Amino acid sequence: MFVRDMGHSWKIVLQPDHGELAGQLAAAWGGDAVGTPRNQRSLQVAARRHDDGWAVWEREPTINGDGTAKPTAFLEVDVPAHLAFYRACIAAVAEQDAYAGLLVSMHGSGI
């Protein structure tokens, strides 16, 4: 989840919600920059589903252990858990669309 301190509260955006918006942006983007129509569909799938692996963790998120009671943001999750989310997501997306799975894999390796 994305976490923003608003002073008196926290603004939270769940990873799958962020992915849905990314998918909508990819669908609106279109054009030759993406390549063939097949690649355009794969890009939309990858954009929409690239953070699906977080859905289970976000049902019961943790609180940051620094004493602030701040919800744990996605970049603060420990590496083994982070890798598990992305591996599961990559496998699921690749099962739906191999090229989309490759794109999600590249995204995961970049993080």
N, C-alpha and C. Protein backbone atom coordinates (compact mmCIF):
# COMPACT_ATOMS: atom_id res chain seq x y z
N MET A 1 0.84 -1.18 0.00
CA MET A 1 0.00 0.00 0.00
C MET A 1 0.88 1.24 0.00
N PHE A 2 0.36 2.25 -0.62
CA PHE A 2 1.00 3.56 -0.55
C PHE A 2 0.44 4.24 0.69
N VAL A 3 1.31 4.84 1.48
CA VAL A 3 0.88 5.47 2.73
C VAL A 3 1.38 6.91 2.73
N ARG A 4 0.45 7.83 2.97
CA ARG A 4 0.81 9.25 3.05
C ARG A 4 0.30 9.81 4.36
N ASP A 5 1.18 10.43 5.09
CA ASP A 5 0.82 11.05 6.37
C ASP A 5 0.12 12.37 6.08
N MET A 6 -1.14 12.47 6.49
CA MET A 6 -1.93 13.68 6.27
C MET A 6 -1.96 14.56 7.54
N GLY A 7 -1.10 14.23 8.50
CA GLY A 7 -1.04 15.00 9.75
C GLY A 7 -1.94 14.42 10.81
N HIS A 8 -3.23 14.38 10.57
CA HIS A 8 -4.19 13.87 11.54
C HIS A 8 -4.74 12.49 11.13
N SER A 9 -4.35 12.02 9.95
CA SER A 9 -4.80 10.72 9.47
C SER A 9 -3.82 10.21 8.41
N TRP A 10 -4.09 9.01 7.92
CA TRP A 10 -3.26 8.42 6.87
C TRP A 10 -4.08 8.29 5.61
N LYS A 11 -3.52 8.65 4.50
CA LYS A 11 -4.14 8.39 3.21
C LYS A 11 -3.49 7.13 2.66
N ILE A 12 -4.31 6.13 2.35
CA ILE A 12 -3.81 4.83 1.93
C ILE A 12 -4.40 4.48 0.57
N VAL A 13 -3.53 4.05 -0.34
CA VAL A 13 -3.96 3.54 -1.63
C VAL A 13 -3.47 2.10 -1.71
N LEU A 14 -4.39 1.18 -1.90
CA LEU A 14 -4.02 -0.23 -1.99
C LEU A 14 -3.37 -0.51 -3.33
N GLN A 15 -2.41 -1.43 -3.34
CA GLN A 15 -1.66 -1.75 -4.55
C GLN A 15 -2.57 -2.19 -5.70
N PRO A 16 -3.55 -3.08 -5.49
CA PRO A 16 -4.40 -3.45 -6.62
C PRO A 16 -5.23 -2.28 -7.17
N ASP A 17 -5.60 -1.33 -6.31
CA ASP A 17 -6.32 -0.15 -6.79
C ASP A 17 -5.40 0.71 -7.66
N HIS A 18 -4.16 0.84 -7.24
CA HIS A 18 -3.15 1.55 -8.03
C HIS A 18 -2.96 0.83 -9.37
N GLY A 19 -2.95 -0.50 -9.36
CA GLY A 19 -2.82 -1.28 -10.59
C GLY A 19 -4.00 -1.08 -11.52
N GLU A 20 -5.19 -1.03 -10.97
CA GLU A 20 -6.38 -0.80 -11.81
C GLU A 20 -6.29 0.54 -12.52
N LEU A 21 -5.86 1.57 -11.81
CA LEU A 21 -5.69 2.88 -12.43
C LEU A 21 -4.61 2.82 -13.52
N ALA A 22 -3.50 2.13 -13.23
CA ALA A 22 -2.44 1.98 -14.24
C ALA A 22 -2.97 1.28 -15.48
N GLY A 23 -3.82 0.28 -15.31
CA GLY A 23 -4.43 -0.41 -16.44
C GLY A 23 -5.31 0.50 -17.27
N GLN A 24 -6.06 1.36 -16.59
CA GLN A 24 -6.91 2.32 -17.30
C GLN A 24 -6.06 3.32 -18.09
N LEU A 25 -4.96 3.76 -17.50
CA LEU A 25 -4.06 4.67 -18.21
C LEU A 25 -3.43 3.98 -19.43
N ALA A 26 -3.03 2.72 -19.27
CA ALA A 26 -2.45 1.98 -20.39
C ALA A 26 -3.47 1.80 -21.50
N ALA A 27 -4.72 1.56 -21.15
CA ALA A 27 -5.78 1.40 -22.16
C ALA A 27 -6.02 2.71 -22.91
N ALA A 28 -5.91 3.82 -22.21
CA ALA A 28 -6.12 5.13 -22.84
C ALA A 28 -4.92 5.57 -23.66
N TRP A 29 -3.75 5.02 -23.36
CA TRP A 29 -2.51 5.42 -24.01
C TRP A 29 -2.53 5.03 -25.48
N GLY A 30 -2.62 3.73 -25.76
CA GLY A 30 -2.70 3.23 -27.14
C GLY A 30 -1.56 3.72 -28.02
N GLY A 31 -1.79 3.73 -29.30
CA GLY A 31 -0.83 4.27 -30.26
C GLY A 31 0.27 3.31 -30.62
N ASP A 32 1.12 3.72 -31.55
CA ASP A 32 2.20 2.89 -32.06
C ASP A 32 3.36 2.74 -31.10
N ALA A 33 3.46 3.58 -30.09
CA ALA A 33 4.59 3.51 -29.16
C ALA A 33 4.65 2.16 -28.46
N VAL A 34 3.53 1.50 -28.32
CA VAL A 34 3.48 0.22 -27.63
C VAL A 34 3.76 -0.93 -28.60
N GLY A 35 3.54 -0.74 -29.87
CA GLY A 35 3.79 -1.80 -30.85
C GLY A 35 2.51 -2.39 -31.37
N THR A 36 2.50 -3.70 -31.53
CA THR A 36 1.37 -4.39 -32.13
C THR A 36 0.16 -4.35 -31.20
N PRO A 37 -1.03 -4.56 -31.77
CA PRO A 37 -2.22 -4.62 -30.90
C PRO A 37 -2.10 -5.70 -29.82
N ARG A 38 -1.44 -6.83 -30.12
CA ARG A 38 -1.25 -7.88 -29.12
C ARG A 38 -0.43 -7.35 -27.96
N ASN A 39 0.65 -6.65 -28.28
CA ASN A 39 1.47 -6.08 -27.21
C ASN A 39 0.70 -5.04 -26.41
N GLN A 40 -0.17 -4.31 -27.05
CA GLN A 40 -0.98 -3.31 -26.35
C GLN A 40 -1.87 -4.00 -25.32
N ARG A 41 -2.50 -5.09 -25.71
CA ARG A 41 -3.35 -5.83 -24.75
C ARG A 41 -2.50 -6.37 -23.60
N SER A 42 -1.32 -6.89 -23.92
CA SER A 42 -0.43 -7.42 -22.87
C SER A 42 0.02 -6.31 -21.93
N LEU A 43 0.31 -5.15 -22.47
CA LEU A 43 0.71 -4.02 -21.64
C LEU A 43 -0.42 -3.63 -20.69
N GLN A 44 -1.65 -3.65 -21.18
CA GLN A 44 -2.79 -3.32 -20.32
C GLN A 44 -2.95 -4.34 -19.20
N VAL A 45 -2.79 -5.63 -19.53
CA VAL A 45 -2.88 -6.68 -18.51
C VAL A 45 -1.78 -6.47 -17.47
N ALA A 46 -0.55 -6.25 -17.93
CA ALA A 46 0.57 -6.06 -17.02
C ALA A 46 0.37 -4.85 -16.13
N ALA A 47 -0.06 -3.75 -16.72
CA ALA A 47 -0.28 -2.53 -15.94
C ALA A 47 -1.37 -2.74 -14.89
N ARG A 48 -2.45 -3.39 -15.29
CA ARG A 48 -3.57 -3.58 -14.37
C ARG A 48 -3.22 -4.56 -13.24
N ARG A 49 -2.42 -5.59 -13.54
CA ARG A 49 -2.21 -6.66 -12.56
C ARG A 49 -0.85 -6.65 -11.90
N HIS A 50 0.00 -5.67 -12.19
CA HIS A 50 1.39 -5.73 -11.73
C HIS A 50 1.57 -5.78 -10.22
N ASP A 51 0.60 -5.39 -9.46
CA ASP A 51 0.69 -5.43 -7.99
C ASP A 51 -0.35 -6.34 -7.35
N ASP A 52 -0.92 -7.26 -8.11
CA ASP A 52 -1.94 -8.17 -7.57
C ASP A 52 -1.43 -9.00 -6.40
N GLY A 53 -0.14 -9.27 -6.36
CA GLY A 53 0.42 -10.09 -5.29
C GLY A 53 0.26 -9.50 -3.91
N TRP A 54 0.00 -8.21 -3.84
CA TRP A 54 -0.16 -7.54 -2.54
C TRP A 54 -1.54 -7.71 -1.93
N ALA A 55 -2.50 -8.18 -2.70
CA ALA A 55 -3.89 -8.21 -2.24
C ALA A 55 -4.06 -8.99 -0.94
N VAL A 56 -3.41 -10.14 -0.81
CA VAL A 56 -3.55 -10.95 0.40
C VAL A 56 -2.95 -10.23 1.60
N TRP A 57 -1.73 -9.69 1.43
CA TRP A 57 -1.07 -8.99 2.54
C TRP A 57 -1.90 -7.78 2.98
N GLU A 58 -2.49 -7.08 2.05
CA GLU A 58 -3.22 -5.86 2.38
C GLU A 58 -4.54 -6.11 3.08
N ARG A 59 -4.99 -7.34 3.13
CA ARG A 59 -6.19 -7.66 3.93
C ARG A 59 -5.90 -7.53 5.41
N GLU A 60 -4.64 -7.77 5.81
CA GLU A 60 -4.22 -7.67 7.20
C GLU A 60 -2.85 -7.00 7.25
N PRO A 61 -2.79 -5.72 6.90
CA PRO A 61 -1.49 -5.04 6.88
C PRO A 61 -0.90 -4.89 8.27
N THR A 62 0.39 -4.61 8.29
CA THR A 62 1.07 -4.45 9.57
C THR A 62 1.27 -2.97 9.87
N ILE A 63 1.64 -2.73 11.11
CA ILE A 63 1.96 -1.38 11.57
C ILE A 63 3.48 -1.27 11.64
N ASN A 64 4.01 -0.15 11.20
CA ASN A 64 5.45 0.08 11.23
C ASN A 64 5.94 -0.07 12.67
N GLY A 65 7.04 -0.75 12.87
CA GLY A 65 7.56 -1.05 14.20
C GLY A 65 8.36 0.07 14.83
N ASP A 66 8.31 1.27 14.28
CA ASP A 66 9.14 2.36 14.82
C ASP A 66 8.44 3.17 15.91
N GLY A 67 7.27 2.71 16.37
CA GLY A 67 6.57 3.39 17.45
C GLY A 67 5.61 4.47 17.00
N THR A 68 5.49 4.70 15.69
CA THR A 68 4.61 5.76 15.19
C THR A 68 3.21 5.27 14.89
N ALA A 69 2.98 3.97 14.92
CA ALA A 69 1.70 3.36 14.57
C ALA A 69 1.31 3.67 13.13
N LYS A 70 2.30 3.91 12.30
CA LYS A 70 2.08 4.18 10.87
C LYS A 70 1.87 2.87 10.13
N PRO A 71 0.87 2.79 9.27
CA PRO A 71 0.71 1.58 8.45
C PRO A 71 1.97 1.36 7.61
N THR A 72 2.35 0.12 7.42
CA THR A 72 3.56 -0.22 6.67
C THR A 72 3.35 0.00 5.19
N ALA A 73 4.15 0.85 4.59
CA ALA A 73 4.10 1.12 3.16
C ALA A 73 4.81 0.00 2.40
N PHE A 74 4.54 -0.13 1.12
CA PHE A 74 5.06 -1.26 0.35
C PHE A 74 6.58 -1.31 0.31
N LEU A 75 7.26 -0.19 0.33
CA LEU A 75 8.72 -0.20 0.31
C LEU A 75 9.33 -0.52 1.68
N GLU A 76 8.50 -0.61 2.72
CA GLU A 76 8.97 -0.93 4.05
C GLU A 76 8.76 -2.41 4.40
N VAL A 77 8.12 -3.15 3.51
CA VAL A 77 7.89 -4.58 3.74
C VAL A 77 9.21 -5.32 3.56
N ASP A 78 9.47 -6.31 4.40
CA ASP A 78 10.76 -7.00 4.31
C ASP A 78 10.93 -7.71 2.96
N VAL A 79 12.17 -7.84 2.56
CA VAL A 79 12.50 -8.36 1.23
C VAL A 79 11.93 -9.75 0.96
N PRO A 80 12.05 -10.72 1.88
CA PRO A 80 11.49 -12.05 1.58
C PRO A 80 9.98 -12.01 1.28
N ALA A 81 9.22 -11.22 2.04
CA ALA A 81 7.79 -11.11 1.79
C ALA A 81 7.54 -10.43 0.44
N HIS A 82 8.28 -9.38 0.19
CA HIS A 82 8.16 -8.63 -1.07
C HIS A 82 8.40 -9.56 -2.26
N LEU A 83 9.45 -10.36 -2.17
CA LEU A 83 9.76 -11.30 -3.26
C LEU A 83 8.64 -12.33 -3.44
N ALA A 84 8.09 -12.81 -2.34
CA ALA A 84 7.01 -13.79 -2.42
C ALA A 84 5.80 -13.21 -3.14
N PHE A 85 5.44 -11.97 -2.83
CA PHE A 85 4.30 -11.32 -3.50
C PHE A 85 4.53 -11.23 -5.00
N TYR A 86 5.72 -10.77 -5.38
CA TYR A 86 6.00 -10.59 -6.81
C TYR A 86 6.11 -11.91 -7.54
N ARG A 87 6.72 -12.91 -6.93
CA ARG A 87 6.81 -14.22 -7.59
C ARG A 87 5.42 -14.78 -7.86
N ALA A 88 4.54 -14.69 -6.87
CA ALA A 88 3.18 -15.19 -7.05
C ALA A 88 2.45 -14.40 -8.13
N CYS A 89 2.62 -13.10 -8.13
CA CYS A 89 1.98 -12.24 -9.11
C CYS A 89 2.49 -12.55 -10.52
N ILE A 90 3.80 -12.65 -10.66
CA ILE A 90 4.39 -12.92 -11.97
C ILE A 90 3.85 -14.24 -12.53
N ALA A 91 3.80 -15.26 -11.70
CA ALA A 91 3.31 -16.57 -12.14
C ALA A 91 1.85 -16.48 -12.59
N ALA A 92 1.03 -15.78 -11.82
CA ALA A 92 -0.39 -15.67 -12.16
C ALA A 92 -0.60 -14.87 -13.44
N VAL A 93 0.13 -13.78 -13.59
CA VAL A 93 -0.02 -12.95 -14.79
C VAL A 93 0.51 -13.71 -16.01
N ALA A 94 1.64 -14.38 -15.88
CA ALA A 94 2.22 -15.14 -16.99
C ALA A 94 1.28 -16.26 -17.45
N GLU A 95 0.54 -16.82 -16.52
CA GLU A 95 -0.43 -17.86 -16.88
C GLU A 95 -1.53 -17.28 -17.76
N GLN A 96 -1.92 -16.05 -17.49
CA GLN A 96 -2.96 -15.38 -18.29
C GLN A 96 -2.40 -14.91 -19.63
N ASP A 97 -1.17 -14.33 -19.60
CA ASP A 97 -0.58 -13.72 -20.79
C ASP A 97 0.93 -13.71 -20.60
N ALA A 98 1.64 -14.51 -21.40
CA ALA A 98 3.08 -14.68 -21.20
C ALA A 98 3.85 -13.37 -21.33
N TYR A 99 3.51 -12.54 -22.30
CA TYR A 99 4.23 -11.28 -22.48
C TYR A 99 3.94 -10.33 -21.31
N ALA A 100 2.71 -10.30 -20.85
CA ALA A 100 2.38 -9.49 -19.67
C ALA A 100 3.16 -9.98 -18.46
N GLY A 101 3.29 -11.30 -18.33
CA GLY A 101 4.08 -11.85 -17.24
C GLY A 101 5.53 -11.41 -17.30
N LEU A 102 6.09 -11.35 -18.52
CA LEU A 102 7.46 -10.86 -18.68
C LEU A 102 7.56 -9.40 -18.24
N LEU A 103 6.59 -8.58 -18.64
CA LEU A 103 6.61 -7.16 -18.25
C LEU A 103 6.53 -7.01 -16.73
N VAL A 104 5.67 -7.79 -16.09
CA VAL A 104 5.54 -7.73 -14.63
C VAL A 104 6.84 -8.21 -13.98
N SER A 105 7.47 -9.21 -14.56
CA SER A 105 8.75 -9.69 -14.05
C SER A 105 9.81 -8.59 -14.11
N MET A 106 9.83 -7.87 -15.21
CA MET A 106 10.80 -6.76 -15.35
C MET A 106 10.50 -5.68 -14.33
N HIS A 107 9.24 -5.39 -14.07
CA HIS A 107 8.85 -4.41 -13.05
C HIS A 107 9.33 -4.87 -11.68
N GLY A 108 9.07 -6.14 -11.36
CA GLY A 108 9.46 -6.68 -10.07
C GLY A 108 10.97 -6.65 -9.86
N SER A 109 11.72 -6.96 -10.91
CA SER A 109 13.19 -6.96 -10.77
C SER A 109 13.72 -5.55 -10.61
N GLY A 110 13.00 -4.57 -11.15
CA GLY A 110 13.42 -3.18 -11.01
C GLY A 110 13.24 -2.64 -9.60
N ILE A 111 12.28 -3.19 -8.89
CA ILE A 111 12.02 -2.74 -7.52
C ILE A 111 13.03 -3.38 -6.60
